[in-house]
Amino acid sequence: MKQTRWVHAATCVVQVEVDAVIPEDDPSEPCFEPDAVEFLREVHEHAQAGDIDWLKRVGKVFIAASA
């Protein structure tokens, strides 16, 4: 099952889809496999670094506008 996750950084927000698992013991809350957690960390690192081109390849990027 796919879940939408939002990764926040100072200059942008990235919307990505990751695989989630519904545990039999507690189906009320989806969980993420280690690969999905590592992917989210990688997205966050690229977002912090401002690597917009890489981020566009993995999700939707929303860039903060200055007032």
PDB file of N, CA and C in Angstrom:
ATOM      1  N   MET A   1       0.839  -1.167   0.000  1.00  0.00           N
ATOM      2  CA  MET A   1       0.000   0.000   0.000  1.00  0.00           C
ATOM      3  C   MET A   1       0.888   1.235   0.000  1.00  0.00           C
ATOM      4  N   LYS A   2       0.563   2.187  -0.854  1.00  0.00           N
ATOM      5  CA  LYS A   2       1.334   3.436  -0.939  1.00  0.00           C
ATOM      6  C   LYS A   2       0.780   4.470   0.041  1.00  0.00           C
ATOM      7  N   GLN A   3       1.683   5.223   0.631  1.00  0.00           N
ATOM      8  CA  GLN A   3       1.342   6.309   1.540  1.00  0.00           C
ATOM      9  C   GLN A   3       2.052   7.579   1.067  1.00  0.00           C
ATOM     10  N   THR A   4       1.369   8.694   1.148  1.00  0.00           N
ATOM     11  CA  THR A   4       1.973   9.978   0.823  1.00  0.00           C
ATOM     12  C   THR A   4       2.665  10.522   2.064  1.00  0.00           C
ATOM     13  N   ARG A   5       3.881  10.963   1.886  1.00  0.00           N
ATOM     14  CA  ARG A   5       4.642  11.572   2.971  1.00  0.00           C
ATOM     15  C   ARG A   5       5.154  12.916   2.489  1.00  0.00           C
ATOM     16  N   TRP A   6       5.182  13.880   3.403  1.00  0.00           N
ATOM     17  CA  TRP A   6       5.686  15.215   3.128  1.00  0.00           C
ATOM     18  C   TRP A   6       7.011  15.387   3.869  1.00  0.00           C
ATOM     19  N   VAL A   7       8.035  15.780   3.126  1.00  0.00           N
ATOM     20  CA  VAL A   7       9.363  15.997   3.709  1.00  0.00           C
ATOM     21  C   VAL A   7       9.624  17.501   3.673  1.00  0.00           C
ATOM     22  N   HIS A   8       9.869  18.077   4.838  1.00  0.00           N
ATOM     23  CA  HIS A   8      10.026  19.525   4.978  1.00  0.00           C
ATOM     24  C   HIS A   8      11.489  19.919   5.113  1.00  0.00           C
ATOM     25  N   ALA A   9      11.843  21.007   4.452  1.00  0.00           N
ATOM     26  CA  ALA A   9      13.163  21.618   4.597  1.00  0.00           C
ATOM     27  C   ALA A   9      12.955  23.127   4.650  1.00  0.00           C
ATOM     28  N   ALA A  10      14.013  23.860   4.855  1.00  0.00           N
ATOM     29  CA  ALA A  10      13.904  25.311   5.013  1.00  0.00           C
ATOM     30  C   ALA A  10      13.382  26.001   3.751  1.00  0.00           C
ATOM     31  N   THR A  11      13.785  25.522   2.593  1.00  0.00           N
ATOM     32  CA  THR A  11      13.426  26.217   1.353  1.00  0.00           C
ATOM     33  C   THR A  11      12.392  25.493   0.501  1.00  0.00           C
ATOM     34  N   CYS A  12      12.024  24.264   0.877  1.00  0.00           N
ATOM     35  CA  CYS A  12      11.059  23.526   0.064  1.00  0.00           C
ATOM     36  C   CYS A  12      10.372  22.436   0.885  1.00  0.00           C
ATOM     37  N   VAL A  13       9.308  21.921   0.290  1.00  0.00           N
ATOM     38  CA  VAL A  13       8.594  20.765   0.828  1.00  0.00           C
ATOM     39  C   VAL A  13       8.456  19.788  -0.320  1.00  0.00           C
ATOM     40  N   VAL A  14       8.654  18.502  -0.040  1.00  0.00           N
ATOM     41  CA  VAL A  14       8.597  17.481  -1.076  1.00  0.00           C
ATOM     42  C   VAL A  14       7.522  16.465  -0.719  1.00  0.00           C
ATOM     43  N   GLN A  15       6.668  16.160  -1.696  1.00  0.00           N
ATOM     44  CA  GLN A  15       5.644  15.140  -1.523  1.00  0.00           C
ATOM     45  C   GLN A  15       6.126  13.877  -2.233  1.00  0.00           C
ATOM     46  N   VAL A  16       6.248  12.775  -1.486  1.00  0.00           N
ATOM     47  CA  VAL A  16       6.692  11.506  -2.060  1.00  0.00           C
ATOM     48  C   VAL A  16       5.725  10.392  -1.665  1.00  0.00           C
ATOM     49  N   GLU A  17       5.746   9.339  -2.459  1.00  0.00           N
ATOM     50  CA  GLU A  17       4.953   8.146  -2.179  1.00  0.00           C
ATOM     51  C   GLU A  17       5.912   7.045  -1.726  1.00  0.00           C
ATOM     52  N   VAL A  18       5.586   6.390  -0.616  1.00  0.00           N
ATOM     53  CA  VAL A  18       6.403   5.287  -0.114  1.00  0.00           C
ATOM     54  C   VAL A  18       5.499   4.096   0.203  1.00  0.00           C
ATOM     55  N   ASP A  19       6.080   2.917   0.142  1.00  0.00           N
ATOM     56  CA  ASP A  19       5.340   1.706   0.481  1.00  0.00           C
ATOM     57  C   ASP A  19       5.165   1.607   1.987  1.00  0.00           C
ATOM     58  N   ALA A  20       3.957   1.276   2.397  1.00  0.00           N
ATOM     59  CA  ALA A  20       3.655   1.075   3.813  1.00  0.00           C
ATOM     60  C   ALA A  20       3.122  -0.332   4.002  1.00  0.00           C
ATOM     61  N   VAL A  21       3.287  -0.843   5.209  1.00  0.00           N
ATOM     62  CA  VAL A  21       2.830  -2.176   5.570  1.00  0.00           C
ATOM     63  C   VAL A  21       1.805  -2.027   6.690  1.00  0.00           C
ATOM     64  N   ILE A  22       0.726  -2.775   6.600  1.00  0.00           N
ATOM     65  CA  ILE A  22      -0.269  -2.760   7.674  1.00  0.00           C
ATOM     66  C   ILE A  22       0.011  -3.983   8.552  1.00  0.00           C
ATOM     67  N   PRO A  23       0.473  -3.769   9.780  1.00  0.00           N
ATOM     68  CA  PRO A  23       0.781  -4.906  10.640  1.00  0.00           C
ATOM     69  C   PRO A  23      -0.499  -5.617  11.095  1.00  0.00           C
ATOM     70  N   GLU A  24      -0.426  -6.927  11.173  1.00  0.00           N
ATOM     71  CA  GLU A  24      -1.578  -7.718  11.612  1.00  0.00           C
ATOM     72  C   GLU A  24      -1.924  -7.424  13.070  1.00  0.00           C
ATOM     73  N   ASP A  25      -0.918  -7.161  13.896  1.00  0.00           N
ATOM     74  CA  ASP A  25      -1.146  -6.914  15.325  1.00  0.00           C
ATOM     75  C   ASP A  25      -1.883  -5.605  15.590  1.00  0.00           C
ATOM     76  N   ASP A  26      -1.625  -4.596  14.759  1.00  0.00           N
ATOM     77  CA  ASP A  26      -2.266  -3.296  14.952  1.00  0.00           C
ATOM     78  C   ASP A  26      -2.535  -2.674  13.578  1.00  0.00           C
ATOM     79  N   PRO A  27      -3.645  -3.032  12.947  1.00  0.00           N
ATOM     80  CA  PRO A  27      -3.932  -2.524  11.603  1.00  0.00           C
ATOM     81  C   PRO A  27      -4.344  -1.053  11.563  1.00  0.00           C
ATOM     82  N   SER A  28      -4.409  -0.386  12.708  1.00  0.00           N
ATOM     83  CA  SER A  28      -4.847   1.009  12.739  1.00  0.00           C
ATOM     84  C   SER A  28      -3.789   1.980  12.217  1.00  0.00           C
ATOM     85  N   GLU A  29      -2.533   1.568  12.216  1.00  0.00           N
ATOM     86  CA  GLU A  29      -1.453   2.473  11.836  1.00  0.00           C
ATOM     87  C   GLU A  29      -0.496   1.788  10.861  1.00  0.00           C
ATOM     88  N   PRO A  30      -0.353   2.327   9.635  1.00  0.00           N
ATOM     89  CA  PRO A  30       0.621   1.735   8.704  1.00  0.00           C
ATOM     90  C   PRO A  30       2.050   1.955   9.197  1.00  0.00           C
ATOM     91  N   CYS A  31       2.918   1.021   8.857  1.00  0.00           N
ATOM     92  CA  CYS A  31       4.333   1.091   9.234  1.00  0.00           C
ATOM     93  C   CYS A  31       5.183   1.100   7.967  1.00  0.00           C
ATOM     94  N   PHE A  32       6.431   1.499   8.122  1.00  0.00           N
ATOM     95  CA  PHE A  32       7.336   1.575   6.991  1.00  0.00           C
ATOM     96  C   PHE A  32       8.491   0.605   7.182  1.00  0.00           C
ATOM     97  N   GLU A  33       8.851  -0.065   6.101  1.00  0.00           N
ATOM     98  CA  GLU A  33      10.011  -0.953   6.090  1.00  0.00           C
ATOM     99  C   GLU A  33      11.277  -0.096   6.154  1.00  0.00           C
ATOM    100  N   PRO A  34      12.395  -0.689   6.558  1.00  0.00           N
ATOM    101  CA  PRO A  34      13.652   0.079   6.636  1.00  0.00           C
ATOM    102  C   PRO A  34      14.036   0.774   5.330  1.00  0.00           C
ATOM    103  N   ASP A  35      13.761   0.147   4.181  1.00  0.00           N
ATOM    104  CA  ASP A  35      14.090   0.784   2.896  1.00  0.00           C
ATOM    105  C   ASP A  35      13.316   2.086   2.710  1.00  0.00           C
ATOM    106  N   ALA A  36      12.047   2.099   3.104  1.00  0.00           N
ATOM    107  CA  ALA A  36      11.221   3.308   2.970  1.00  0.00           C
ATOM    108  C   ALA A  36      11.723   4.398   3.914  1.00  0.00           C
ATOM    109  N   VAL A  37      12.106   4.020   5.119  1.00  0.00           N
ATOM    110  CA  VAL A  37      12.625   4.994   6.081  1.00  0.00           C
ATOM    111  C   VAL A  37      13.934   5.592   5.566  1.00  0.00           C
ATOM    112  N   GLU A  38      14.799   4.763   5.019  1.00  0.00           N
ATOM    113  CA  GLU A  38      16.072   5.241   4.468  1.00  0.00           C
ATOM    114  C   GLU A  38      15.820   6.182   3.288  1.00  0.00           C
ATOM    115  N   PHE A  39      14.851   5.855   2.433  1.00  0.00           N
ATOM    116  CA  PHE A  39      14.502   6.714   1.306  1.00  0.00           C
ATOM    117  C   PHE A  39      14.032   8.080   1.809  1.00  0.00           C
ATOM    118  N   LEU A  40      13.196   8.107   2.839  1.00  0.00           N
ATOM    119  CA  LEU A  40      12.720   9.374   3.391  1.00  0.00           C
ATOM    120  C   LEU A  40      13.873  10.199   3.966  1.00  0.00           C
ATOM    121  N   ARG A  41      14.828   9.539   4.584  1.00  0.00           N
ATOM    122  CA  ARG A  41      16.022  10.248   5.086  1.00  0.00           C
ATOM    123  C   ARG A  41      16.819  10.854   3.936  1.00  0.00           C
ATOM    124  N   GLU A  42      16.954  10.073   2.856  1.00  0.00           N
ATOM    125  CA  GLU A  42      17.689  10.545   1.686  1.00  0.00           C
ATOM    126  C   GLU A  42      16.981  11.753   1.059  1.00  0.00           C
ATOM    127  N   VAL A  43      15.666  11.685   0.959  1.00  0.00           N
ATOM    128  CA  VAL A  43      14.897  12.819   0.432  1.00  0.00           C
ATOM    129  C   VAL A  43      15.124  14.041   1.312  1.00  0.00           C
ATOM    130  N   HIS A  44      15.092  13.854   2.624  1.00  0.00           N
ATOM    131  CA  HIS A  44      15.297  14.980   3.534  1.00  0.00           C
ATOM    132  C   HIS A  44      16.693  15.588   3.360  1.00  0.00           C
ATOM    133  N   GLU A  45      17.710  14.755   3.207  1.00  0.00           N
ATOM    134  CA  GLU A  45      19.075  15.265   3.006  1.00  0.00           C
ATOM    135  C   GLU A  45      19.170  16.085   1.724  1.00  0.00           C
ATOM    136  N   HIS A  46      18.564  15.592   0.645  1.00  0.00           N
ATOM    137  CA  HIS A  46      18.591  16.329  -0.623  1.00  0.00           C
ATOM    138  C   HIS A  46      17.784  17.625  -0.513  1.00  0.00           C
ATOM    139  N   ALA A  47      16.689  17.584   0.230  1.00  0.00           N
ATOM    140  CA  ALA A  47      15.891  18.795   0.428  1.00  0.00           C
ATOM    141  C   ALA A  47      16.681  19.827   1.222  1.00  0.00           C
ATOM    142  N   GLN A  48      17.364  19.392   2.269  1.00  0.00           N
ATOM    143  CA  GLN A  48      18.188  20.307   3.079  1.00  0.00           C
ATOM    144  C   GLN A  48      19.305  20.931   2.237  1.00  0.00           C
ATOM    145  N   ALA A  49      19.834  20.135   1.295  1.00  0.00           N
ATOM    146  CA  ALA A  49      20.924  20.616   0.442  1.00  0.00           C
ATOM    147  C   ALA A  49      20.409  21.462  -0.727  1.00  0.00           C
ATOM    148  N   GLY A  50      19.094  21.500  -0.929  1.00  0.00           N
ATOM    149  CA  GLY A  50      18.537  22.276  -2.034  1.00  0.00           C
ATOM    150  C   GLY A  50      18.708  21.626  -3.386  1.00  0.00           C
ATOM    151  N   ASP A  51      18.826  20.309  -3.426  1.00  0.00           N
ATOM    152  CA  ASP A  51      19.031  19.559  -4.671  1.00  0.00           C
ATOM    153  C   ASP A  51      17.686  19.336  -5.374  1.00  0.00           C
ATOM    154  N   ILE A  52      17.163  20.414  -5.947  1.00  0.00           N
ATOM    155  CA  ILE A  52      15.819  20.405  -6.535  1.00  0.00           C
ATOM    156  C   ILE A  52      15.720  19.436  -7.710  1.00  0.00           C
ATOM    157  N   ASP A  53      16.741  19.367  -8.552  1.00  0.00           N
ATOM    158  CA  ASP A  53      16.688  18.462  -9.706  1.00  0.00           C
ATOM    159  C   ASP A  53      16.505  17.012  -9.259  1.00  0.00           C
ATOM    160  N   TRP A  54      17.243  16.588  -8.237  1.00  0.00           N
ATOM    161  CA  TRP A  54      17.106  15.216  -7.725  1.00  0.00           C
ATOM    162  C   TRP A  54      15.718  15.019  -7.131  1.00  0.00           C
ATOM    163  N   LEU A  55      15.254  15.981  -6.366  1.00  0.00           N
ATOM    164  CA  LEU A  55      13.947  15.882  -5.718  1.00  0.00           C
ATOM    165  C   LEU A  55      12.818  15.778  -6.725  1.00  0.00           C
ATOM    166  N   LYS A  56      12.917  16.497  -7.835  1.00  0.00           N
ATOM    167  CA  LYS A  56      11.882  16.437  -8.878  1.00  0.00           C
ATOM    168  C   LYS A  56      11.765  15.043  -9.475  1.00  0.00           C
ATOM    169  N   ARG A  57      12.831  14.272  -9.435  1.00  0.00           N
ATOM    170  CA  ARG A  57      12.801  12.907  -9.983  1.00  0.00           C
ATOM    171  C   ARG A  57      12.086  11.931  -9.068  1.00  0.00           C
ATOM    172  N   VAL A  58      11.958  12.266  -7.782  1.00  0.00           N
ATOM    173  CA  VAL A  58      11.369  11.318  -6.832  1.00  0.00           C
ATOM    174  C   VAL A  58      10.015  11.766  -6.284  1.00  0.00           C
ATOM    175  N   GLY A  59       9.637  13.013  -6.520  1.00  0.00           N
ATOM    176  CA  GLY A  59       8.357  13.475  -5.985  1.00  0.00           C
ATOM    177  C   GLY A  59       7.998  14.852  -6.496  1.00  0.00           C
ATOM    178  N   LYS A  60       6.988  15.430  -5.885  1.00  0.00           N
ATOM    179  CA  LYS A  60       6.559  16.786  -6.219  1.00  0.00           C
ATOM    180  C   LYS A  60       7.245  17.757  -5.265  1.00  0.00           C
ATOM    181  N   VAL A  61       7.801  18.813  -5.827  1.00  0.00           N
ATOM    182  CA  VAL A  61       8.564  19.777  -5.035  1.00  0.00           C
ATOM    183  C   VAL A  61       7.812  21.097  -4.980  1.00  0.00           C
ATOM    184  N   PHE A  62       7.665  21.627  -3.780  1.00  0.00           N
ATOM    185  CA  PHE A  62       7.044  22.916  -3.560  1.00  0.00           C
ATOM    186  C   PHE A  62       8.107  23.829  -2.953  1.00  0.00           C
ATOM    187  N   ILE A  63       8.444  24.898  -3.664  1.00  0.00           N
ATOM    188  CA  ILE A  63       9.518  25.779  -3.231  1.00  0.00           C
ATOM    189  C   ILE A  63       8.936  26.999  -2.530  1.00  0.00           C
ATOM    190  N   ALA A  64       9.527  27.361  -1.405  1.00  0.00           N
ATOM    191  CA  ALA A  64       9.070  28.504  -0.625  1.00  0.00           C
ATOM    192  C   ALA A  64       9.331  29.792  -1.390  1.00  0.00           C
ATOM    193  N   ALA A  65       8.342  30.664  -1.389  1.00  0.00           N
ATOM    194  CA  ALA A  65       8.484  31.969  -2.020  1.00  0.00           C
ATOM    195  C   ALA A  65       8.776  33.008  -0.942  1.00  0.00           C
ATOM    196  N   SER A  66       9.638  33.949  -1.260  1.00  0.00           N
ATOM    197  CA  SER A  66       9.925  35.004  -0.287  1.00  0.00           C
ATOM    198  C   SER A  66       8.829  36.057  -0.365  1.00  0.00           C
ATOM    199  N   ALA A  67       8.533  36.637   0.772  1.00  0.00           N
ATOM    200  CA  ALA A  67       7.451  37.633   0.853  1.00  0.00           C
ATOM    201  C   ALA A  67       7.941  38.997   0.441  1.00  0.00           C
TER     202      ALA A  67
END
